[in-house]
Amino acid sequence: MKQLLEAGRTIVAASAMAIGVAAGAAEAGDLAQSDIIGFSADGRYVAFQEYGQWDESDVVYANILVIDVAANASVEGAPIRVQLDPEAMPTLHDRADPVGEARAQAMEDAEPVLDRYGIVDGNTGTTLIYHPLSDVTADPHLVEFSIGRGFAPPGRTLQTMQVQSLHLTQEEVPSARCDQQQLGPVSTMSLELQAEGLDGPVTLHREDGLPDARDCTTGYRIQSVIAYFPENVALTDCCRAQVALLVVLSMSQFGHGGEDWRHMGVTALLDGAW
């Protein structure tokens, strides 16, 4: 396997963070759900959504993240966030699916951004790893997978790509903002990719401190790994092509009623084998 052509760059500015919830947004312990919206046809951009309802209130929310895969950074105009409060919308109590209402509103608000970056709804790639919180046997910080085994674009037979691994490391850091709220220690994270043929691990994402735009986070786990082969791969006679990789992480954050679980995405372009 060739070296990584491009890996996600370290994110240092809050505006560049691909995170699911703004600081101070969570009011109660709850578990956000997440769905992949789609990749652009060329694999350069990807969008996914998280959504849910705060446990100690009727407030529902939906957030859409759109990420530049090679840069590992949110695109301009993202994330898109919608929050619906029954106190401000009394008729929300009468809706059959309030969370669905928030999701639909978020998709409508995000449409200009999704169109600008060519996101194809339903172009979701292939899930290589999926470990939700209910999977108590999974190592939350280490996964191994082979991109080339088990699936291929139309008309192609993939060779077996060398096994790759993702290793997530978290580290407690001081945070004046969180300390003022007496929330206890918070953590940052880094994510490294290791593969046969590489001289050493490649850092996909590293943080030197808790981003201002993120709630006070106590822990991280690898939830899913998704790979996407650009559409034009199946139409070319070339023997190699790039693979877009999305790693969805779950984040445990302080909430008034318990843990709030949110999501963030880390992305990279890998060199694939055919």
Protein backbone atom coordinates (compact mmCIF):
# COMPACT_ATOMS: atom_id res chain seq x y z
CA MET A 1 0.00 0.00 0.00
CA LYS A 2 1.30 3.43 -0.82
CA GLN A 3 1.78 6.07 1.81
CA LEU A 4 -1.24 8.09 2.77
CA LEU A 5 -1.73 10.70 0.08
CA GLU A 6 -3.44 13.10 2.39
CA ALA A 7 -4.35 12.79 6.05
CA GLY A 8 -6.57 15.07 8.08
CA ARG A 9 -4.64 18.08 9.34
CA THR A 10 -4.51 18.95 13.02
CA ILE A 11 -7.40 21.17 14.01
CA VAL A 12 -6.36 24.07 16.20
CA ALA A 13 -9.07 26.68 15.65
CA ALA A 14 -12.54 26.28 17.06
CA SER A 15 -14.02 27.37 13.75
CA ALA A 16 -12.34 24.40 12.09
CA MET A 17 -13.75 21.83 14.46
CA ALA A 18 -16.12 19.19 13.12
CA ILE A 19 -18.14 18.86 16.32
CA GLY A 20 -21.74 18.06 16.95
CA VAL A 21 -22.86 20.54 19.60
CA ALA A 22 -21.92 24.07 20.62
CA ALA A 23 -20.57 24.81 24.08
CA GLY A 24 -23.32 25.22 26.63
CA ALA A 25 -25.99 23.68 24.40
CA ALA A 26 -26.64 20.54 26.42
CA GLU A 27 -29.03 20.87 29.35
CA ALA A 28 -29.71 17.25 30.27
CA GLY A 29 -28.25 13.82 29.93
CA ASP A 30 -29.15 12.30 26.59
CA LEU A 31 -27.79 10.14 23.80
CA ALA A 32 -27.66 11.70 20.34
CA GLN A 33 -28.27 9.43 17.37
CA SER A 34 -26.26 9.82 14.17
CA ASP A 35 -26.81 9.07 10.48
CA ILE A 36 -24.58 9.54 7.46
CA ILE A 37 -26.24 11.86 4.92
CA GLY A 38 -23.76 11.20 2.14
CA PHE A 39 -20.45 11.87 0.41
CA SER A 40 -19.97 14.06 -2.61
CA ALA A 41 -19.53 12.03 -5.80
CA ASP A 42 -15.78 12.73 -5.81
CA GLY A 43 -15.39 11.84 -2.12
CA ARG A 44 -14.01 15.26 -1.23
CA TYR A 45 -16.80 16.13 1.18
CA VAL A 46 -19.06 14.22 3.57
CA ALA A 47 -22.07 15.16 5.68
CA PHE A 48 -23.67 13.47 8.67
CA GLN A 49 -26.40 14.36 11.10
CA GLU A 50 -26.89 13.92 14.85
CA TYR A 51 -30.21 14.42 16.58
CA GLY A 52 -32.17 13.75 19.75
CA GLN A 53 -34.12 15.15 22.67
CA TRP A 54 -32.83 16.50 25.95
CA ASP A 55 -33.77 14.13 28.74
CA GLU A 56 -34.94 16.71 31.26
CA SER A 57 -36.92 18.83 28.81
CA ASP A 58 -38.99 18.56 25.66
CA VAL A 59 -36.39 20.40 23.59
CA VAL A 60 -35.41 18.53 20.43
CA TYR A 61 -32.37 19.17 18.29
CA ALA A 62 -30.66 18.23 15.03
CA ASN A 63 -27.15 19.15 13.91
CA ILE A 64 -25.65 18.64 10.46
CA LEU A 65 -21.89 18.46 9.99
CA VAL A 66 -20.27 18.91 6.58
CA ILE A 67 -16.58 18.09 6.43
CA ASP A 68 -13.78 18.67 3.92
CA VAL A 69 -12.36 15.13 3.90
CA ALA A 70 -8.73 15.95 3.02
CA ALA A 71 -8.56 18.94 5.36
CA ASN A 72 -10.42 17.23 8.22
CA ALA A 73 -12.28 20.49 8.83
CA SER A 74 -15.79 21.83 8.71
CA VAL A 75 -16.68 23.63 5.50
CA GLU A 76 -17.87 27.22 5.46
CA GLY A 77 -21.44 27.46 6.69
CA ALA A 78 -21.31 24.31 8.84
CA PRO A 79 -22.26 22.93 11.30
CA ILE A 80 -25.96 23.65 10.86
CA ARG A 81 -27.91 23.44 14.11
CA VAL A 82 -31.64 23.40 14.79
CA GLN A 83 -33.25 23.45 18.23
CA LEU A 84 -37.02 23.35 18.71
CA ASP A 85 -38.44 24.31 22.11
CA PRO A 86 -42.10 23.57 22.92
CA GLU A 87 -42.22 26.72 25.07
CA ALA A 88 -41.54 28.77 21.96
CA MET A 89 -43.55 26.41 19.72
CA PRO A 90 -46.54 25.22 21.77
CA THR A 91 -47.86 23.14 18.88
CA LEU A 92 -44.69 21.02 19.00
CA HIS A 93 -46.35 18.94 21.72
CA ASP A 94 -48.98 17.93 19.20
CA ARG A 95 -46.51 16.76 16.57
CA ALA A 96 -46.24 13.01 16.02
CA ASP A 97 -42.45 13.16 15.60
CA PRO A 98 -40.87 16.31 17.09
CA VAL A 99 -37.33 15.03 16.55
CA GLY A 100 -38.23 14.31 12.94
CA GLU A 101 -39.43 17.90 12.65
CA ALA A 102 -36.05 19.14 13.86
CA ARG A 103 -34.23 16.82 11.45
CA ALA A 104 -36.34 17.99 8.51
CA GLN A 105 -35.75 21.62 9.45
CA ALA A 106 -32.00 21.04 9.70
CA MET A 107 -31.94 19.40 6.27
CA GLU A 108 -33.87 22.33 4.80
CA ASP A 109 -31.52 24.85 6.41
CA ALA A 110 -28.49 22.85 5.26
CA GLU A 111 -29.63 22.45 1.65
CA PRO A 112 -27.58 25.40 0.28
CA VAL A 113 -24.42 24.06 1.96
CA LEU A 114 -25.06 20.46 0.87
CA ASP A 115 -25.67 21.62 -2.71
CA ARG A 116 -22.58 23.85 -2.70
CA TYR A 117 -20.33 20.92 -1.82
CA GLY A 118 -22.09 18.35 -3.98
CA ILE A 119 -23.30 16.11 -1.15
CA VAL A 120 -25.37 13.24 -2.58
CA ASP A 121 -28.10 12.20 -0.15
CA GLY A 122 -27.86 8.44 0.34
CA ASN A 123 -24.32 8.17 -1.04
CA THR A 124 -23.22 6.75 2.30
CA GLY A 125 -20.24 4.57 1.43
CA THR A 126 -19.60 1.33 3.30
CA THR A 127 -19.51 0.92 7.06
CA LEU A 128 -16.38 -1.03 8.02
CA ILE A 129 -16.72 -0.74 11.81
CA TYR A 130 -19.73 0.02 14.00
CA HIS A 131 -19.55 -0.04 17.79
CA PRO A 132 -22.47 1.81 19.45
CA LEU A 133 -22.56 2.31 23.21
CA SER A 134 -24.54 -0.90 23.52
CA ASP A 135 -21.51 -2.87 22.28
CA VAL A 136 -19.90 -3.43 25.67
CA THR A 137 -17.33 -5.89 24.30
CA ALA A 138 -15.69 -3.44 21.90
CA ASP A 139 -12.44 -1.67 22.68
CA PRO A 140 -13.55 2.00 22.60
CA HIS A 141 -10.09 3.25 21.62
CA LEU A 142 -8.76 0.69 19.12
CA VAL A 143 -10.20 -0.81 15.93
CA GLU A 144 -8.66 -2.85 13.10
CA PHE A 145 -10.04 -3.20 9.60
CA SER A 146 -9.19 -3.89 5.96
CA ILE A 147 -10.65 -1.53 3.38
CA GLY A 148 -10.11 -3.92 0.49
CA ARG A 149 -11.88 -6.94 1.96
CA GLY A 150 -15.62 -7.50 1.71
CA PHE A 151 -16.81 -4.89 -0.76
CA ALA A 152 -15.96 -3.24 -4.07
CA PRO A 153 -17.43 -0.60 -6.43
CA PRO A 154 -19.47 -1.90 -9.39
CA GLY A 155 -17.36 -3.75 -11.94
CA ARG A 156 -14.28 -3.98 -9.75
CA THR A 157 -12.62 -6.74 -7.75
CA LEU A 158 -10.59 -5.45 -4.86
CA GLN A 159 -7.30 -6.86 -3.78
CA THR A 160 -6.99 -7.31 -0.03
CA MET A 161 -5.57 -4.15 1.45
CA GLN A 162 -3.24 -4.52 4.41
CA VAL A 163 -4.88 -4.43 7.81
CA GLN A 164 -5.06 -0.95 9.24
CA SER A 165 -5.71 0.16 12.79
CA LEU A 166 -7.00 3.31 14.44
CA HIS A 167 -5.82 4.16 17.93
CA LEU A 168 -7.59 6.84 19.96
CA THR A 169 -5.79 8.43 22.90
CA GLN A 170 -7.41 10.78 25.38
CA GLU A 171 -5.71 13.06 27.88
CA GLU A 172 -7.01 15.08 30.80
CA VAL A 173 -6.39 18.80 30.36
CA PRO A 174 -7.11 21.92 32.41
CA SER A 175 -10.04 24.06 31.30
CA ALA A 176 -10.85 27.31 33.08
CA ARG A 177 -14.30 27.30 31.51
CA CYS A 178 -15.16 23.83 32.81
CA ASP A 179 -13.39 24.36 36.14
CA GLN A 180 -15.57 27.41 36.79
CA GLN A 181 -18.61 25.17 36.47
CA GLN A 182 -17.00 22.64 38.85
CA LEU A 183 -17.56 19.85 36.36
CA GLY A 184 -14.40 17.90 37.09
CA PRO A 185 -11.56 16.89 34.75
CA VAL A 186 -12.07 17.12 30.99
CA SER A 187 -10.20 15.46 28.13
CA THR A 188 -8.89 16.06 24.66
CA MET A 189 -8.13 13.37 22.09
CA SER A 190 -5.82 12.33 19.30
CA LEU A 191 -6.40 9.71 16.60
CA GLU A 192 -3.64 7.82 14.80
CA LEU A 193 -3.73 5.47 11.82
CA GLN A 194 -1.26 2.59 11.57
CA ALA A 195 -0.94 0.35 8.51
CA GLU A 196 1.49 -2.14 7.05
CA GLY A 197 3.86 -0.39 4.69
CA LEU A 198 3.91 2.85 6.65
CA ASP A 199 7.04 3.94 8.48
CA GLY A 200 4.99 4.74 11.56
CA PRO A 201 1.59 5.93 12.73
CA VAL A 202 -0.01 8.85 10.90
CA THR A 203 -1.80 11.39 13.06
CA LEU A 204 -5.25 12.10 11.65
CA HIS A 205 -6.29 14.44 14.45
CA ARG A 206 -4.66 15.90 17.54
CA GLU A 207 -5.80 18.50 20.06
CA ASP A 208 -3.60 20.56 22.37
CA GLY A 209 -6.52 21.82 24.48
CA LEU A 210 -10.28 21.58 24.77
CA PRO A 211 -11.78 23.64 21.93
CA ASP A 212 -13.93 26.55 23.09
CA ALA A 213 -16.76 25.38 20.84
CA ARG A 214 -17.03 22.00 22.56
CA ASP A 215 -18.89 21.15 25.75
CA CYS A 216 -16.86 19.89 28.69
CA THR A 217 -15.94 16.41 27.45
CA THR A 218 -14.81 13.59 29.70
CA GLY A 219 -14.19 10.79 27.22
CA TYR A 220 -14.22 9.58 23.62
CA ARG A 221 -14.81 6.30 21.83
CA ILE A 222 -14.64 5.13 18.21
CA GLN A 223 -18.20 4.51 17.10
CA SER A 224 -17.89 3.83 13.39
CA VAL A 225 -15.52 3.81 10.42
CA ILE A 226 -16.95 4.47 6.95
CA ALA A 227 -15.10 4.20 3.62
CA TYR A 228 -16.19 5.62 0.28
CA PHE A 229 -14.78 5.01 -3.20
CA PRO A 230 -15.47 7.91 -5.60
CA GLU A 231 -18.01 7.12 -8.33
CA ASN A 232 -15.56 7.60 -11.19
CA VAL A 233 -13.37 4.76 -9.90
CA ALA A 234 -15.67 2.19 -11.52
CA LEU A 235 -15.38 4.01 -14.86
CA THR A 236 -11.61 4.23 -15.10
CA ASP A 237 -8.98 1.73 -16.17
CA CYS A 238 -6.62 2.97 -13.50
CA CYS A 239 -5.51 0.37 -10.99
CA ARG A 240 -5.45 2.54 -7.88
CA ALA A 241 -7.71 5.20 -6.44
CA GLN A 242 -8.20 7.26 -3.35
CA VAL A 243 -10.56 6.19 -0.60
CA ALA A 244 -12.38 8.72 1.57
CA LEU A 245 -12.44 7.71 5.23
CA LEU A 246 -14.84 9.02 7.90
CA VAL A 247 -14.36 8.09 11.55
CA VAL A 248 -17.32 8.99 13.78
CA LEU A 249 -16.39 9.43 17.43
CA SER A 250 -18.77 9.49 20.38
CA MET A 251 -18.09 12.09 23.07
CA SER A 252 -19.22 11.90 26.70
CA GLN A 253 -20.04 15.34 28.06
CA PHE A 254 -21.38 16.70 31.34
CA GLY A 255 -25.16 17.14 31.41
CA HIS A 256 -27.59 18.27 34.10
CA GLY A 257 -29.24 14.85 34.20
CA GLY A 258 -26.22 12.66 33.49
CA GLU A 259 -23.91 12.09 30.55
CA ASP A 260 -24.62 13.79 27.24
CA TRP A 261 -23.31 11.78 24.28
CA ARG A 262 -22.51 13.72 21.12
CA HIS A 263 -20.48 13.05 17.97
CA MET A 264 -17.59 14.42 15.98
CA GLY A 265 -16.06 13.34 12.69
CA VAL A 266 -12.43 12.80 11.72
CA THR A 267 -11.65 12.35 8.01
CA ALA A 268 -8.75 11.45 5.71
CA LEU A 269 -8.01 10.45 2.12
CA LEU A 270 -6.23 7.10 1.79
CA ASP A 271 -4.59 5.49 -1.23
CA GLY A 272 -6.57 2.36 -2.11
CA ALA A 273 -5.53 -0.79 -3.93
CA TRP A 274 -7.47 -2.52 -6.71
